[in-house]
């Protein structure tokens, strides 16, 4: 699995230039695991509802995804307390992370290790 770059403050990871909020690092491992389990269950429910064309089940499943994401800290109120604005889903180049992101792009690509 390719690891996505994480902002220096640990609040976001970057996929195709877009920032995505990370889960709250203050969650206990057990709580985080339970919430990830709930999220995966809800995502499977979305897929099932789409497959059978059930709009009520789809709404319920999407609500469950939202609840899990908010509980994880990936959506909803931010989990940091320094007053920094949330830039979730924004292009990194258009945020306070622009210089950091540009430096990533300018860095030479790592070549695979020579295997013998």
N, C-alpha and C. Protein backbone atom coordinates (compact mmCIF):
# COMPACT_ATOMS: atom_id res chain seq x y z
N UNK A 1 0.84 -1.17 0.00
CA UNK A 1 0.00 0.00 0.00
C UNK A 1 0.89 1.24 0.00
N UNK A 2 0.58 2.19 -0.83
CA UNK A 2 1.33 3.44 -0.89
C UNK A 2 0.90 4.31 0.28
N UNK A 3 1.89 4.85 0.98
CA UNK A 3 1.58 5.73 2.10
C UNK A 3 1.44 7.15 1.58
N UNK A 4 0.39 7.82 2.01
CA UNK A 4 0.15 9.19 1.60
C UNK A 4 0.90 10.14 2.53
N UNK A 5 1.41 11.25 1.99
CA UNK A 5 2.12 12.20 2.85
C UNK A 5 1.18 12.80 3.89
N UNK A 6 1.73 13.02 5.07
CA UNK A 6 0.98 13.60 6.19
C UNK A 6 1.57 14.97 6.47
N UNK A 7 0.70 15.95 6.69
CA UNK A 7 1.16 17.30 6.97
C UNK A 7 2.03 17.31 8.22
N UNK A 8 2.94 18.27 8.33
CA UNK A 8 3.85 18.30 9.48
C UNK A 8 3.14 18.33 10.84
N UNK A 9 1.94 18.88 10.90
CA UNK A 9 1.22 18.93 12.17
C UNK A 9 0.37 17.68 12.41
N UNK A 10 0.36 16.76 11.44
CA UNK A 10 -0.35 15.50 11.60
C UNK A 10 -1.85 15.58 11.46
N UNK A 11 -2.36 16.70 10.98
CA UNK A 11 -3.82 16.86 10.90
C UNK A 11 -4.42 16.30 9.62
N UNK A 12 -3.64 16.25 8.55
CA UNK A 12 -4.17 15.84 7.25
C UNK A 12 -3.20 14.90 6.55
N UNK A 13 -3.74 14.10 5.64
CA UNK A 13 -2.91 13.39 4.67
C UNK A 13 -3.33 13.90 3.30
N UNK A 14 -2.49 13.67 2.30
CA UNK A 14 -2.73 14.23 0.97
C UNK A 14 -2.92 13.10 -0.03
N UNK A 15 -3.99 13.21 -0.81
CA UNK A 15 -4.26 12.29 -1.91
C UNK A 15 -4.53 13.12 -3.15
N UNK A 16 -3.70 12.93 -4.18
CA UNK A 16 -3.84 13.68 -5.43
C UNK A 16 -3.94 15.18 -5.19
N UNK A 17 -3.13 15.67 -4.25
CA UNK A 17 -3.06 17.10 -3.99
C UNK A 17 -4.12 17.65 -3.05
N UNK A 18 -5.05 16.80 -2.62
CA UNK A 18 -6.14 17.25 -1.76
C UNK A 18 -5.89 16.78 -0.32
N UNK A 19 -6.20 17.67 0.62
CA UNK A 19 -6.04 17.36 2.04
C UNK A 19 -7.27 16.62 2.57
N UNK A 20 -7.01 15.60 3.37
CA UNK A 20 -8.08 14.84 4.02
C UNK A 20 -7.75 14.76 5.51
N UNK A 21 -8.71 15.14 6.33
CA UNK A 21 -8.48 15.17 7.78
C UNK A 21 -8.25 13.76 8.31
N UNK A 22 -7.27 13.65 9.18
CA UNK A 22 -6.97 12.37 9.83
C UNK A 22 -7.83 12.22 11.08
N UNK A 23 -7.89 11.01 11.56
CA UNK A 23 -8.64 10.73 12.78
C UNK A 23 -7.96 11.38 13.97
N UNK A 24 -8.72 11.63 14.98
CA UNK A 24 -8.23 12.24 16.21
C UNK A 24 -7.21 11.33 16.88
N UNK A 25 -5.96 11.77 17.01
CA UNK A 25 -4.94 10.93 17.64
C UNK A 25 -5.17 10.75 19.14
N UNK A 26 -6.09 11.52 19.71
CA UNK A 26 -6.39 11.40 21.13
C UNK A 26 -7.33 10.25 21.46
N UNK A 27 -7.87 9.58 20.44
CA UNK A 27 -8.74 8.43 20.70
C UNK A 27 -7.90 7.26 21.19
N UNK A 28 -8.45 6.51 22.13
CA UNK A 28 -7.74 5.31 22.57
C UNK A 28 -7.72 4.31 21.41
N UNK A 29 -6.73 3.42 21.38
CA UNK A 29 -6.69 2.42 20.29
C UNK A 29 -7.97 1.59 20.24
N UNK A 30 -8.53 1.27 21.39
CA UNK A 30 -9.74 0.46 21.42
C UNK A 30 -10.93 1.23 20.84
N UNK A 31 -11.06 2.50 21.22
CA UNK A 31 -12.16 3.32 20.71
C UNK A 31 -12.02 3.52 19.21
N UNK A 32 -10.80 3.82 18.78
CA UNK A 32 -10.55 4.00 17.35
C UNK A 32 -10.91 2.74 16.57
N UNK A 33 -10.49 1.59 17.06
CA UNK A 33 -10.78 0.33 16.37
C UNK A 33 -12.29 0.08 16.30
N UNK A 34 -13.00 0.37 17.38
CA UNK A 34 -14.46 0.18 17.38
C UNK A 34 -15.12 1.10 16.35
N UNK A 35 -14.65 2.34 16.28
CA UNK A 35 -15.22 3.29 15.32
C UNK A 35 -14.89 2.91 13.88
N UNK A 36 -13.69 2.43 13.65
CA UNK A 36 -13.32 1.97 12.30
C UNK A 36 -14.19 0.77 11.92
N UNK A 37 -14.43 -0.11 12.86
CA UNK A 37 -15.32 -1.25 12.60
C UNK A 37 -16.72 -0.76 12.21
N UNK A 38 -17.23 0.22 12.96
CA UNK A 38 -18.55 0.79 12.65
C UNK A 38 -18.55 1.44 11.25
N UNK A 39 -17.48 2.14 10.93
CA UNK A 39 -17.37 2.78 9.63
C UNK A 39 -17.37 1.76 8.50
N UNK A 40 -16.60 0.71 8.65
CA UNK A 40 -16.54 -0.31 7.60
C UNK A 40 -17.90 -1.01 7.45
N UNK A 41 -18.56 -1.27 8.57
CA UNK A 41 -19.90 -1.88 8.52
C UNK A 41 -20.86 -0.95 7.78
N UNK A 42 -20.81 0.34 8.06
CA UNK A 42 -21.69 1.30 7.41
C UNK A 42 -21.39 1.41 5.92
N UNK A 43 -20.12 1.36 5.56
CA UNK A 43 -19.76 1.42 4.13
C UNK A 43 -20.27 0.19 3.38
N UNK A 44 -20.19 -0.97 4.03
CA UNK A 44 -20.75 -2.18 3.40
C UNK A 44 -22.26 -2.04 3.24
N UNK A 45 -22.91 -1.42 4.21
CA UNK A 45 -24.36 -1.20 4.13
C UNK A 45 -24.71 -0.25 2.99
N UNK A 46 -23.87 0.76 2.75
CA UNK A 46 -24.08 1.66 1.61
C UNK A 46 -24.02 0.85 0.31
N UNK A 47 -22.99 0.03 0.19
CA UNK A 47 -22.82 -0.78 -1.02
C UNK A 47 -24.03 -1.70 -1.23
N UNK A 48 -24.49 -2.32 -0.17
CA UNK A 48 -25.64 -3.22 -0.28
C UNK A 48 -26.91 -2.47 -0.67
N UNK A 49 -27.12 -1.31 -0.05
CA UNK A 49 -28.32 -0.52 -0.36
C UNK A 49 -28.30 -0.05 -1.81
N UNK A 50 -27.12 0.33 -2.30
CA UNK A 50 -27.00 0.74 -3.70
C UNK A 50 -27.29 -0.44 -4.63
N UNK A 51 -26.81 -1.61 -4.25
CA UNK A 51 -26.99 -2.80 -5.10
C UNK A 51 -28.45 -3.18 -5.26
N UNK A 52 -29.23 -3.00 -4.19
CA UNK A 52 -30.65 -3.38 -4.27
C UNK A 52 -31.56 -2.20 -4.56
N UNK A 53 -31.00 -1.00 -4.62
CA UNK A 53 -31.80 0.18 -4.94
C UNK A 53 -32.77 0.59 -3.84
N UNK A 54 -32.34 0.44 -2.59
CA UNK A 54 -33.21 0.77 -1.46
C UNK A 54 -32.84 2.16 -0.92
N UNK A 55 -33.62 3.20 -1.26
CA UNK A 55 -33.26 4.56 -0.84
C UNK A 55 -33.33 4.78 0.67
N UNK A 56 -34.20 4.10 1.37
CA UNK A 56 -34.29 4.26 2.82
C UNK A 56 -33.06 3.65 3.49
N UNK A 57 -32.71 2.45 3.08
CA UNK A 57 -31.51 1.80 3.64
C UNK A 57 -30.26 2.59 3.28
N UNK A 58 -30.24 3.16 2.09
CA UNK A 58 -29.10 3.97 1.66
C UNK A 58 -28.95 5.20 2.56
N UNK A 59 -30.04 5.89 2.84
CA UNK A 59 -29.99 7.07 3.71
C UNK A 59 -29.49 6.69 5.10
N UNK A 60 -30.00 5.57 5.63
CA UNK A 60 -29.58 5.12 6.96
C UNK A 60 -28.09 4.75 6.96
N UNK A 61 -27.65 4.09 5.92
CA UNK A 61 -26.25 3.68 5.84
C UNK A 61 -25.34 4.89 5.71
N UNK A 62 -25.72 5.86 4.89
CA UNK A 62 -24.91 7.06 4.75
C UNK A 62 -24.88 7.88 6.04
N UNK A 63 -25.98 7.89 6.76
CA UNK A 63 -26.00 8.55 8.07
C UNK A 63 -25.04 7.85 9.04
N UNK A 64 -25.00 6.52 8.97
CA UNK A 64 -24.09 5.76 9.84
C UNK A 64 -22.63 6.05 9.48
N UNK A 65 -22.33 6.19 8.19
CA UNK A 65 -20.98 6.56 7.77
C UNK A 65 -20.63 7.93 8.35
N UNK A 66 -21.55 8.88 8.22
CA UNK A 66 -21.31 10.23 8.74
C UNK A 66 -21.07 10.20 10.25
N UNK A 67 -21.87 9.46 10.97
CA UNK A 67 -21.72 9.37 12.43
C UNK A 67 -20.34 8.81 12.80
N UNK A 68 -19.92 7.77 12.12
CA UNK A 68 -18.62 7.16 12.40
C UNK A 68 -17.49 8.14 12.08
N UNK A 69 -17.58 8.84 10.93
CA UNK A 69 -16.54 9.78 10.54
C UNK A 69 -16.45 10.95 11.52
N UNK A 70 -17.58 11.44 11.99
CA UNK A 70 -17.58 12.52 12.98
C UNK A 70 -16.97 12.01 14.29
N UNK A 71 -17.35 10.82 14.71
CA UNK A 71 -16.82 10.25 15.95
C UNK A 71 -15.31 10.04 15.88
N UNK A 72 -14.81 9.69 14.70
CA UNK A 72 -13.37 9.53 14.51
C UNK A 72 -12.64 10.87 14.47
N UNK A 73 -13.38 11.93 14.19
CA UNK A 73 -12.76 13.25 14.09
C UNK A 73 -12.40 13.64 12.67
N UNK A 74 -12.77 12.80 11.71
CA UNK A 74 -12.46 13.07 10.30
C UNK A 74 -13.42 14.09 9.70
N UNK A 75 -14.56 14.26 10.31
CA UNK A 75 -15.54 15.27 9.89
C UNK A 75 -16.08 15.95 11.14
N UNK A 76 -16.86 16.98 10.94
CA UNK A 76 -17.45 17.68 12.08
C UNK A 76 -16.46 18.61 12.75
N UNK A 77 -16.65 18.86 14.04
CA UNK A 77 -15.76 19.78 14.75
C UNK A 77 -14.32 19.26 14.72
N UNK A 78 -13.38 20.18 14.61
CA UNK A 78 -11.96 19.78 14.59
C UNK A 78 -11.54 19.26 15.95
N UNK A 79 -10.52 18.42 15.97
CA UNK A 79 -10.06 17.83 17.22
C UNK A 79 -8.87 18.59 17.81
N UNK A 80 -8.38 19.60 17.13
CA UNK A 80 -7.29 20.40 17.69
C UNK A 80 -7.87 21.64 18.35
N UNK A 81 -7.06 22.27 19.19
CA UNK A 81 -7.59 23.38 19.99
C UNK A 81 -6.84 24.69 19.82
N UNK A 82 -6.03 24.81 18.77
CA UNK A 82 -5.25 26.04 18.60
C UNK A 82 -5.95 27.09 17.74
N UNK A 83 -7.17 26.81 17.33
CA UNK A 83 -7.94 27.78 16.56
C UNK A 83 -7.68 27.75 15.06
N UNK A 84 -6.79 26.89 14.60
CA UNK A 84 -6.51 26.80 13.16
C UNK A 84 -7.76 26.35 12.41
N UNK A 85 -8.00 26.99 11.28
CA UNK A 85 -9.16 26.64 10.46
C UNK A 85 -9.01 25.25 9.85
N UNK A 86 -10.13 24.61 9.63
CA UNK A 86 -10.16 23.31 8.99
C UNK A 86 -10.06 23.50 7.48
N UNK A 87 -9.14 22.81 6.85
CA UNK A 87 -9.00 22.89 5.40
C UNK A 87 -9.23 21.51 4.77
N UNK A 88 -10.03 20.70 5.44
CA UNK A 88 -10.37 19.37 4.93
C UNK A 88 -10.95 19.48 3.52
N UNK A 89 -10.47 18.61 2.65
CA UNK A 89 -10.91 18.50 1.25
C UNK A 89 -10.46 19.66 0.36
N UNK A 90 -9.62 20.53 0.88
CA UNK A 90 -9.09 21.64 0.06
C UNK A 90 -7.81 21.16 -0.64
N UNK A 91 -7.50 21.81 -1.74
CA UNK A 91 -6.25 21.50 -2.43
C UNK A 91 -5.10 22.05 -1.59
N UNK A 92 -4.11 21.22 -1.32
CA UNK A 92 -3.00 21.61 -0.46
C UNK A 92 -2.31 22.87 -0.96
N UNK A 93 -2.20 23.01 -2.27
CA UNK A 93 -1.53 24.17 -2.86
C UNK A 93 -2.24 25.49 -2.57
N UNK A 94 -3.49 25.43 -2.13
CA UNK A 94 -4.28 26.63 -1.85
C UNK A 94 -4.46 26.87 -0.36
N UNK A 95 -3.63 26.25 0.47
CA UNK A 95 -3.79 26.35 1.92
C UNK A 95 -2.47 26.78 2.56
N UNK A 96 -2.48 26.84 3.87
CA UNK A 96 -1.25 27.17 4.61
C UNK A 96 -0.18 26.08 4.45
N UNK A 97 -0.53 24.96 3.86
CA UNK A 97 0.42 23.87 3.63
C UNK A 97 1.07 23.95 2.24
N UNK A 98 0.81 25.01 1.50
CA UNK A 98 1.27 25.13 0.12
C UNK A 98 2.78 24.98 -0.01
N UNK A 99 3.53 25.67 0.83
CA UNK A 99 5.00 25.61 0.73
C UNK A 99 5.50 24.20 1.04
N UNK A 100 4.97 23.59 2.08
CA UNK A 100 5.33 22.21 2.43
C UNK A 100 5.00 21.27 1.27
N UNK A 101 3.82 21.42 0.70
CA UNK A 101 3.40 20.54 -0.39
C UNK A 101 4.27 20.73 -1.63
N UNK A 102 4.61 21.98 -1.94
CA UNK A 102 5.48 22.25 -3.08
C UNK A 102 6.85 21.61 -2.89
N UNK A 103 7.35 21.63 -1.67
CA UNK A 103 8.64 21.00 -1.38
C UNK A 103 8.58 19.50 -1.60
N UNK A 104 7.44 18.89 -1.29
CA UNK A 104 7.27 17.45 -1.54
C UNK A 104 7.38 17.15 -3.03
N UNK A 105 6.70 17.97 -3.82
CA UNK A 105 6.68 17.76 -5.27
C UNK A 105 8.06 18.00 -5.87
N UNK A 106 8.85 18.90 -5.26
CA UNK A 106 10.17 19.23 -5.78
C UNK A 106 11.23 18.20 -5.37
N UNK A 107 10.94 17.42 -4.35
CA UNK A 107 11.91 16.44 -3.89
C UNK A 107 12.09 15.35 -4.93
N UNK A 108 13.33 14.88 -5.13
CA UNK A 108 13.56 13.81 -6.11
C UNK A 108 12.82 12.54 -5.68
N UNK A 109 12.30 11.84 -6.67
CA UNK A 109 11.57 10.60 -6.39
C UNK A 109 12.56 9.56 -5.88
N UNK A 110 12.09 8.78 -4.92
CA UNK A 110 12.93 7.71 -4.38
C UNK A 110 12.88 6.53 -5.34
N UNK A 111 14.04 6.00 -5.63
CA UNK A 111 14.10 4.83 -6.49
C UNK A 111 14.03 3.58 -5.62
N UNK A 112 13.46 2.51 -6.17
CA UNK A 112 13.38 1.27 -5.39
C UNK A 112 14.78 0.78 -5.04
N UNK A 113 14.88 0.16 -3.87
CA UNK A 113 16.17 -0.37 -3.45
C UNK A 113 16.59 -1.48 -4.40
N UNK A 114 17.88 -1.56 -4.64
CA UNK A 114 18.43 -2.59 -5.52
C UNK A 114 18.38 -3.93 -4.80
N UNK A 115 17.61 -4.86 -5.32
CA UNK A 115 17.47 -6.18 -4.70
C UNK A 115 18.39 -7.15 -5.41
N UNK A 116 19.16 -7.88 -4.62
CA UNK A 116 20.08 -8.87 -5.22
C UNK A 116 19.78 -10.24 -4.75
